[in-house]
Amino acid sequence: MSVAFVLIRVIPGKEHEVYNRVSLLKYVTEVHPLLGEYDIIVRIDTENMSEIGKLVIQDIRTISGVVDTKTLTEIKL
């Protein structure tokens, strides 16, 4: 299993809309609003890393109101 956390920066006033849209996406297991540089953090659990890339590029970044994302992937120690 592959796990990633995606930090999402949103246009002011679009936080609720983006939060709701992201919550409905396949593989998204957690969504939390934040205060600070980023507005939302999302946890993604997929079978492989390529699914994470597809989800971020095709689904999250295309949501109206999303300005920037930063994806952090989990590794095994």
PDB file of N, CA and C in Angstrom:
ATOM      1  N   MET A   1       0.840  -1.177   0.000  1.00  0.00           N
ATOM      2  CA  MET A   1       0.000   0.000   0.000  1.00  0.00           C
ATOM      3  C   MET A   1       0.888   1.243   0.000  1.00  0.00           C
ATOM      4  N   SER A   2       0.461   2.268  -0.688  1.00  0.00           N
ATOM      5  CA  SER A   2       1.154   3.553  -0.728  1.00  0.00           C
ATOM      6  C   SER A   2       0.300   4.602  -0.026  1.00  0.00           C
ATOM      7  N   VAL A   3       0.971   5.428   0.767  1.00  0.00           N
ATOM      8  CA  VAL A   3       0.286   6.480   1.519  1.00  0.00           C
ATOM      9  C   VAL A   3       0.938   7.815   1.184  1.00  0.00           C
ATOM     10  N   ALA A   4       0.111   8.834   1.009  1.00  0.00           N
ATOM     11  CA  ALA A   4       0.616  10.185   0.782  1.00  0.00           C
ATOM     12  C   ALA A   4      -0.259  11.175   1.526  1.00  0.00           C
ATOM     13  N   PHE A   5       0.342  12.294   1.854  1.00  0.00           N
ATOM     14  CA  PHE A   5      -0.378  13.423   2.442  1.00  0.00           C
ATOM     15  C   PHE A   5      -0.238  14.581   1.474  1.00  0.00           C
ATOM     16  N   VAL A   6      -1.360  15.192   1.131  1.00  0.00           N
ATOM     17  CA  VAL A   6      -1.346  16.303   0.178  1.00  0.00           C
ATOM     18  C   VAL A   6      -1.777  17.570   0.908  1.00  0.00           C
ATOM     19  N   LEU A   7      -0.891  18.549   0.909  1.00  0.00           N
ATOM     20  CA  LEU A   7      -1.196  19.872   1.448  1.00  0.00           C
ATOM     21  C   LEU A   7      -1.783  20.696   0.313  1.00  0.00           C
ATOM     22  N   ILE A   8      -2.916  21.339   0.577  1.00  0.00           N
ATOM     23  CA  ILE A   8      -3.628  22.080  -0.469  1.00  0.00           C
ATOM     24  C   ILE A   8      -3.797  23.538  -0.050  1.00  0.00           C
ATOM     25  N   ARG A   9      -3.383  24.436  -0.936  1.00  0.00           N
ATOM     26  CA  ARG A   9      -3.615  25.865  -0.736  1.00  0.00           C
ATOM     27  C   ARG A   9      -4.816  26.254  -1.591  1.00  0.00           C
ATOM     28  N   VAL A  10      -5.744  27.030  -0.991  1.00  0.00           N
ATOM     29  CA  VAL A  10      -7.031  27.325  -1.622  1.00  0.00           C
ATOM     30  C   VAL A  10      -7.242  28.838  -1.696  1.00  0.00           C
ATOM     31  N   ILE A  11      -7.942  29.289  -2.737  1.00  0.00           N
ATOM     32  CA  ILE A  11      -8.352  30.691  -2.847  1.00  0.00           C
ATOM     33  C   ILE A  11      -9.235  31.018  -1.639  1.00  0.00           C
ATOM     34  N   PRO A  12      -8.985  32.133  -0.960  1.00  0.00           N
ATOM     35  CA  PRO A  12      -9.837  32.506   0.177  1.00  0.00           C
ATOM     36  C   PRO A  12     -11.317  32.505  -0.201  1.00  0.00           C
ATOM     37  N   GLY A  13     -12.118  31.912   0.664  1.00  0.00           N
ATOM     38  CA  GLY A  13     -13.547  31.819   0.436  1.00  0.00           C
ATOM     39  C   GLY A  13     -13.986  30.523  -0.233  1.00  0.00           C
ATOM     40  N   LYS A  14     -13.036  29.737  -0.742  1.00  0.00           N
ATOM     41  CA  LYS A  14     -13.358  28.480  -1.430  1.00  0.00           C
ATOM     42  C   LYS A  14     -13.048  27.248  -0.567  1.00  0.00           C
ATOM     43  N   GLU A  15     -12.674  27.467   0.694  1.00  0.00           N
ATOM     44  CA  GLU A  15     -12.249  26.368   1.548  1.00  0.00           C
ATOM     45  C   GLU A  15     -13.318  25.280   1.695  1.00  0.00           C
ATOM     46  N   HIS A  16     -14.555  25.670   1.972  1.00  0.00           N
ATOM     47  CA  HIS A  16     -15.632  24.695   2.169  1.00  0.00           C
ATOM     48  C   HIS A  16     -15.879  23.884   0.891  1.00  0.00           C
ATOM     49  N   GLU A  17     -15.923  24.568  -0.240  1.00  0.00           N
ATOM     50  CA  GLU A  17     -16.178  23.905  -1.516  1.00  0.00           C
ATOM     51  C   GLU A  17     -15.085  22.888  -1.839  1.00  0.00           C
ATOM     52  N   VAL A  18     -13.827  23.290  -1.683  1.00  0.00           N
ATOM     53  CA  VAL A  18     -12.712  22.384  -1.971  1.00  0.00           C
ATOM     54  C   VAL A  18     -12.720  21.222  -0.984  1.00  0.00           C
ATOM     55  N   TYR A  19     -12.936  21.499   0.286  1.00  0.00           N
ATOM     56  CA  TYR A  19     -13.003  20.457   1.313  1.00  0.00           C
ATOM     57  C   TYR A  19     -14.058  19.412   0.935  1.00  0.00           C
ATOM     58  N   ASN A  20     -15.233  19.859   0.559  1.00  0.00           N
ATOM     59  CA  ASN A  20     -16.316  18.942   0.205  1.00  0.00           C
ATOM     60  C   ASN A  20     -15.990  18.120  -1.036  1.00  0.00           C
ATOM     61  N   ARG A  21     -15.412  18.753  -2.043  1.00  0.00           N
ATOM     62  CA  ARG A  21     -15.070  18.042  -3.289  1.00  0.00           C
ATOM     63  C   ARG A  21     -13.976  17.001  -3.055  1.00  0.00           C
ATOM     64  N   VAL A  22     -12.948  17.374  -2.299  1.00  0.00           N
ATOM     65  CA  VAL A  22     -11.841  16.459  -2.022  1.00  0.00           C
ATOM     66  C   VAL A  22     -12.333  15.265  -1.193  1.00  0.00           C
ATOM     67  N   SER A  23     -13.244  15.511  -0.289  1.00  0.00           N
ATOM     68  CA  SER A  23     -13.767  14.443   0.578  1.00  0.00           C
ATOM     69  C   SER A  23     -14.418  13.311  -0.212  1.00  0.00           C
ATOM     70  N   LEU A  24     -14.902  13.603  -1.405  1.00  0.00           N
ATOM     71  CA  LEU A  24     -15.607  12.614  -2.222  1.00  0.00           C
ATOM     72  C   LEU A  24     -14.695  11.791  -3.135  1.00  0.00           C
ATOM     73  N   LEU A  25     -13.418  12.143  -3.205  1.00  0.00           N
ATOM     74  CA  LEU A  25     -12.517  11.482  -4.149  1.00  0.00           C
ATOM     75  C   LEU A  25     -12.137  10.077  -3.699  1.00  0.00           C
ATOM     76  N   LYS A  26     -12.016   9.196  -4.691  1.00  0.00           N
ATOM     77  CA  LYS A  26     -11.559   7.830  -4.448  1.00  0.00           C
ATOM     78  C   LYS A  26     -10.155   7.865  -3.859  1.00  0.00           C
ATOM     79  N   TYR A  27      -9.874   7.000  -2.919  1.00  0.00           N
ATOM     80  CA  TYR A  27      -8.597   6.833  -2.228  1.00  0.00           C
ATOM     81  C   TYR A  27      -8.357   7.853  -1.113  1.00  0.00           C
ATOM     82  N   VAL A  28      -9.169   8.897  -1.019  1.00  0.00           N
ATOM     83  CA  VAL A  28      -8.996   9.872   0.059  1.00  0.00           C
ATOM     84  C   VAL A  28      -9.602   9.287   1.322  1.00  0.00           C
ATOM     85  N   THR A  29      -8.765   9.134   2.356  1.00  0.00           N
ATOM     86  CA  THR A  29      -9.232   8.510   3.599  1.00  0.00           C
ATOM     87  C   THR A  29      -9.402   9.511   4.736  1.00  0.00           C
ATOM     88  N   GLU A  30      -8.743  10.661   4.643  1.00  0.00           N
ATOM     89  CA  GLU A  30      -8.879  11.708   5.660  1.00  0.00           C
ATOM     90  C   GLU A  30      -8.756  13.074   5.003  1.00  0.00           C
ATOM     91  N   VAL A  31      -9.521  14.037   5.517  1.00  0.00           N
ATOM     92  CA  VAL A  31      -9.426  15.432   5.070  1.00  0.00           C
ATOM     93  C   VAL A  31      -9.532  16.298   6.311  1.00  0.00           C
ATOM     94  N   HIS A  32      -8.561  17.212   6.480  1.00  0.00           N
ATOM     95  CA  HIS A  32      -8.556  18.088   7.647  1.00  0.00           C
ATOM     96  C   HIS A  32      -8.287  19.534   7.231  1.00  0.00           C
ATOM     97  N   PRO A  33      -9.102  20.477   7.690  1.00  0.00           N
ATOM     98  CA  PRO A  33      -8.807  21.893   7.444  1.00  0.00           C
ATOM     99  C   PRO A  33      -7.646  22.327   8.328  1.00  0.00           C
ATOM    100  N   LEU A  34      -6.870  23.289   7.838  1.00  0.00           N
ATOM    101  CA  LEU A  34      -5.692  23.775   8.545  1.00  0.00           C
ATOM    102  C   LEU A  34      -5.699  25.298   8.628  1.00  0.00           C
ATOM    103  N   LEU A  35      -4.923  25.822   9.551  1.00  0.00           N
ATOM    104  CA  LEU A  35      -4.592  27.241   9.592  1.00  0.00           C
ATOM    105  C   LEU A  35      -3.109  27.346   9.281  1.00  0.00           C
ATOM    106  N   GLY A  36      -2.726  28.318   8.491  1.00  0.00           N
ATOM    107  CA  GLY A  36      -1.314  28.481   8.164  1.00  0.00           C
ATOM    108  C   GLY A  36      -1.096  28.591   6.678  1.00  0.00           C
ATOM    109  N   GLU A  37       0.087  28.154   6.230  1.00  0.00           N
ATOM    110  CA  GLU A  37       0.468  28.282   4.826  1.00  0.00           C
ATOM    111  C   GLU A  37      -0.461  27.493   3.895  1.00  0.00           C
ATOM    112  N   TYR A  38      -0.919  26.332   4.338  1.00  0.00           N
ATOM    113  CA  TYR A  38      -1.850  25.517   3.562  1.00  0.00           C
ATOM    114  C   TYR A  38      -3.192  25.463   4.282  1.00  0.00           C
ATOM    115  N   ASP A  39      -4.247  25.226   3.525  1.00  0.00           N
ATOM    116  CA  ASP A  39      -5.604  25.295   4.059  1.00  0.00           C
ATOM    117  C   ASP A  39      -6.233  23.942   4.361  1.00  0.00           C
ATOM    118  N   ILE A  40      -5.785  22.900   3.666  1.00  0.00           N
ATOM    119  CA  ILE A  40      -6.355  21.563   3.816  1.00  0.00           C
ATOM    120  C   ILE A  40      -5.227  20.539   3.695  1.00  0.00           C
ATOM    121  N   ILE A  41      -5.316  19.482   4.501  1.00  0.00           N
ATOM    122  CA  ILE A  41      -4.421  18.333   4.332  1.00  0.00           C
ATOM    123  C   ILE A  41      -5.280  17.105   4.084  1.00  0.00           C
ATOM    124  N   VAL A  42      -4.837  16.292   3.134  1.00  0.00           N
ATOM    125  CA  VAL A  42      -5.583  15.107   2.704  1.00  0.00           C
ATOM    126  C   VAL A  42      -4.671  13.892   2.826  1.00  0.00           C
ATOM    127  N   ARG A  43      -5.210  12.807   3.346  1.00  0.00           N
ATOM    128  CA  ARG A  43      -4.474  11.541   3.347  1.00  0.00           C
ATOM    129  C   ARG A  43      -5.028  10.679   2.222  1.00  0.00           C
ATOM    130  N   ILE A  44      -4.110  10.082   1.460  1.00  0.00           N
ATOM    131  CA  ILE A  44      -4.468   9.210   0.346  1.00  0.00           C
ATOM    132  C   ILE A  44      -3.864   7.828   0.608  1.00  0.00           C
ATOM    133  N   ASP A  45      -4.668   6.792   0.484  1.00  0.00           N
ATOM    134  CA  ASP A  45      -4.202   5.407   0.591  1.00  0.00           C
ATOM    135  C   ASP A  45      -4.526   4.696  -0.718  1.00  0.00           C
ATOM    136  N   THR A  46      -3.490   4.270  -1.442  1.00  0.00           N
ATOM    137  CA  THR A  46      -3.691   3.599  -2.725  1.00  0.00           C
ATOM    138  C   THR A  46      -2.869   2.319  -2.782  1.00  0.00           C
ATOM    139  N   GLU A  47      -3.064   1.581  -3.854  1.00  0.00           N
ATOM    140  CA  GLU A  47      -2.307   0.347  -4.060  1.00  0.00           C
ATOM    141  C   GLU A  47      -0.879   0.628  -4.541  1.00  0.00           C
ATOM    142  N   ASN A  48      -0.672   1.755  -5.242  1.00  0.00           N
ATOM    143  CA  ASN A  48       0.663   2.054  -5.760  1.00  0.00           C
ATOM    144  C   ASN A  48       0.848   3.562  -5.942  1.00  0.00           C
ATOM    145  N   MET A  49       2.091   3.956  -6.136  1.00  0.00           N
ATOM    146  CA  MET A  49       2.446   5.373  -6.247  1.00  0.00           C
ATOM    147  C   MET A  49       1.845   6.039  -7.483  1.00  0.00           C
ATOM    148  N   SER A  50       1.686   5.317  -8.565  1.00  0.00           N
ATOM    149  CA  SER A  50       1.150   5.949  -9.772  1.00  0.00           C
ATOM    150  C   SER A  50      -0.285   6.433  -9.564  1.00  0.00           C
ATOM    151  N   GLU A  51      -1.055   5.738  -8.731  1.00  0.00           N
ATOM    152  CA  GLU A  51      -2.419   6.183  -8.417  1.00  0.00           C
ATOM    153  C   GLU A  51      -2.398   7.507  -7.655  1.00  0.00           C
ATOM    154  N   ILE A  52      -1.413   7.696  -6.807  1.00  0.00           N
ATOM    155  CA  ILE A  52      -1.283   8.959  -6.073  1.00  0.00           C
ATOM    156  C   ILE A  52      -1.055  10.101  -7.056  1.00  0.00           C
ATOM    157  N   GLY A  53      -0.135   9.922  -7.989  1.00  0.00           N
ATOM    158  CA  GLY A  53       0.139  10.951  -8.988  1.00  0.00           C
ATOM    159  C   GLY A  53      -1.080  11.303  -9.813  1.00  0.00           C
ATOM    160  N   LYS A  54      -1.803  10.290 -10.260  1.00  0.00           N
ATOM    161  CA  LYS A  54      -3.019  10.527 -11.043  1.00  0.00           C
ATOM    162  C   LYS A  54      -4.050  11.309 -10.242  1.00  0.00           C
ATOM    163  N   LEU A  55      -4.256  10.912  -8.997  1.00  0.00           N
ATOM    164  CA  LEU A  55      -5.256  11.573  -8.155  1.00  0.00           C
ATOM    165  C   LEU A  55      -4.906  13.042  -7.934  1.00  0.00           C
ATOM    166  N   VAL A  56      -3.650  13.319  -7.634  1.00  0.00           N
ATOM    167  CA  VAL A  56      -3.243  14.702  -7.383  1.00  0.00           C
ATOM    168  C   VAL A  56      -3.355  15.538  -8.650  1.00  0.00           C
ATOM    169  N   ILE A  57      -2.817  15.050  -9.751  1.00  0.00           N
ATOM    170  CA  ILE A  57      -2.785  15.833 -10.987  1.00  0.00           C
ATOM    171  C   ILE A  57      -4.158  15.949 -11.643  1.00  0.00           C
ATOM    172  N   GLN A  58      -4.870  14.847 -11.749  1.00  0.00           N
ATOM    173  CA  GLN A  58      -6.126  14.851 -12.503  1.00  0.00           C
ATOM    174  C   GLN A  58      -7.342  15.256 -11.671  1.00  0.00           C
ATOM    175  N   ASP A  59      -7.315  14.987 -10.382  1.00  0.00           N
ATOM    176  CA  ASP A  59      -8.507  15.225  -9.571  1.00  0.00           C
ATOM    177  C   ASP A  59      -8.387  16.401  -8.600  1.00  0.00           C
ATOM    178  N   ILE A  60      -7.292  16.470  -7.855  1.00  0.00           N
ATOM    179  CA  ILE A  60      -7.180  17.533  -6.849  1.00  0.00           C
ATOM    180  C   ILE A  60      -6.811  18.869  -7.484  1.00  0.00           C
ATOM    181  N   ARG A  61      -5.777  18.883  -8.303  1.00  0.00           N
ATOM    182  CA  ARG A  61      -5.324  20.156  -8.885  1.00  0.00           C
ATOM    183  C   ARG A  61      -6.330  20.790  -9.833  1.00  0.00           C
ATOM    184  N   THR A  62      -7.277  20.026 -10.324  1.00  0.00           N
ATOM    185  CA  THR A  62      -8.265  20.567 -11.258  1.00  0.00           C
ATOM    186  C   THR A  62      -9.511  21.107 -10.555  1.00  0.00           C
ATOM    187  N   ILE A  63      -9.593  20.970  -9.239  1.00  0.00           N
ATOM    188  CA  ILE A  63     -10.737  21.496  -8.496  1.00  0.00           C
ATOM    189  C   ILE A  63     -10.670  23.023  -8.498  1.00  0.00           C
ATOM    190  N   SER A  64     -11.767  23.660  -8.826  1.00  0.00           N
ATOM    191  CA  SER A  64     -11.838  25.115  -8.823  1.00  0.00           C
ATOM    192  C   SER A  64     -11.553  25.646  -7.422  1.00  0.00           C
ATOM    193  N   GLY A  65     -10.600  26.552  -7.321  1.00  0.00           N
ATOM    194  CA  GLY A  65     -10.232  27.127  -6.033  1.00  0.00           C
ATOM    195  C   GLY A  65      -8.900  26.634  -5.504  1.00  0.00           C
ATOM    196  N   VAL A  66      -8.396  25.527  -6.047  1.00  0.00           N
ATOM    197  CA  VAL A  66      -7.091  25.014  -5.615  1.00  0.00           C
ATOM    198  C   VAL A  66      -6.002  25.839  -6.290  1.00  0.00           C
ATOM    199  N   VAL A  67      -5.112  26.395  -5.481  1.00  0.00           N
ATOM    200  CA  VAL A  67      -4.038  27.244  -5.976  1.00  0.00           C
ATOM    201  C   VAL A  67      -2.718  26.481  -6.074  1.00  0.00           C
ATOM    202  N   ASP A  68      -2.459  25.606  -5.087  1.00  0.00           N
ATOM    203  CA  ASP A  68      -1.164  24.935  -5.001  1.00  0.00           C
ATOM    204  C   ASP A  68      -1.328  23.656  -4.203  1.00  0.00           C
ATOM    205  N   THR A  69      -0.488  22.666  -4.514  1.00  0.00           N
ATOM    206  CA  THR A  69      -0.448  21.448  -3.710  1.00  0.00           C
ATOM    207  C   THR A  69       0.995  21.086  -3.418  1.00  0.00           C
ATOM    208  N   LYS A  70       1.181  20.372  -2.330  1.00  0.00           N
ATOM    209  CA  LYS A  70       2.481  19.788  -1.993  1.00  0.00           C
ATOM    210  C   LYS A  70       2.191  18.374  -1.530  1.00  0.00           C
ATOM    211  N   THR A  71       2.790  17.403  -2.202  1.00  0.00           N
ATOM    212  CA  THR A  71       2.539  15.996  -1.897  1.00  0.00           C
ATOM    213  C   THR A  71       3.717  15.406  -1.151  1.00  0.00           C
ATOM    214  N   LEU A  72       3.436  14.789  -0.021  1.00  0.00           N
ATOM    215  CA  LEU A  72       4.447  14.136   0.805  1.00  0.00           C
ATOM    216  C   LEU A  72       4.117  12.652   0.836  1.00  0.00           C
ATOM    217  N   THR A  73       5.070  11.814   0.409  1.00  0.00           N
ATOM    218  CA  THR A  73       4.807  10.380   0.362  1.00  0.00           C
ATOM    219  C   THR A  73       5.476   9.664   1.528  1.00  0.00           C
ATOM    220  N   GLU A  74       4.785   8.670   2.025  1.00  0.00           N
ATOM    221  CA  GLU A  74       5.303   7.873   3.126  1.00  0.00           C
ATOM    222  C   GLU A  74       6.355   6.898   2.591  1.00  0.00           C
ATOM    223  N   ILE A  75       7.371   6.643   3.408  1.00  0.00           N
ATOM    224  CA  ILE A  75       8.378   5.656   3.042  1.00  0.00           C
ATOM    225  C   ILE A  75       8.453   4.601   4.147  1.00  0.00           C
ATOM    226  N   LYS A  76       9.049   3.497   3.833  1.00  0.00           N
ATOM    227  CA  LYS A  76       9.275   2.433   4.817  1.00  0.00           C
ATOM    228  C   LYS A  76      10.700   2.556   5.335  1.00  0.00           C
ATOM    229  N   LEU A  77      10.860   2.537   6.653  1.00  0.00           N
ATOM    230  CA  LEU A  77      12.201   2.616   7.251  1.00  0.00           C
ATOM    231  C   LEU A  77      12.702   1.232   7.615  1.00  0.00           C
TER     232      LEU A  77
END
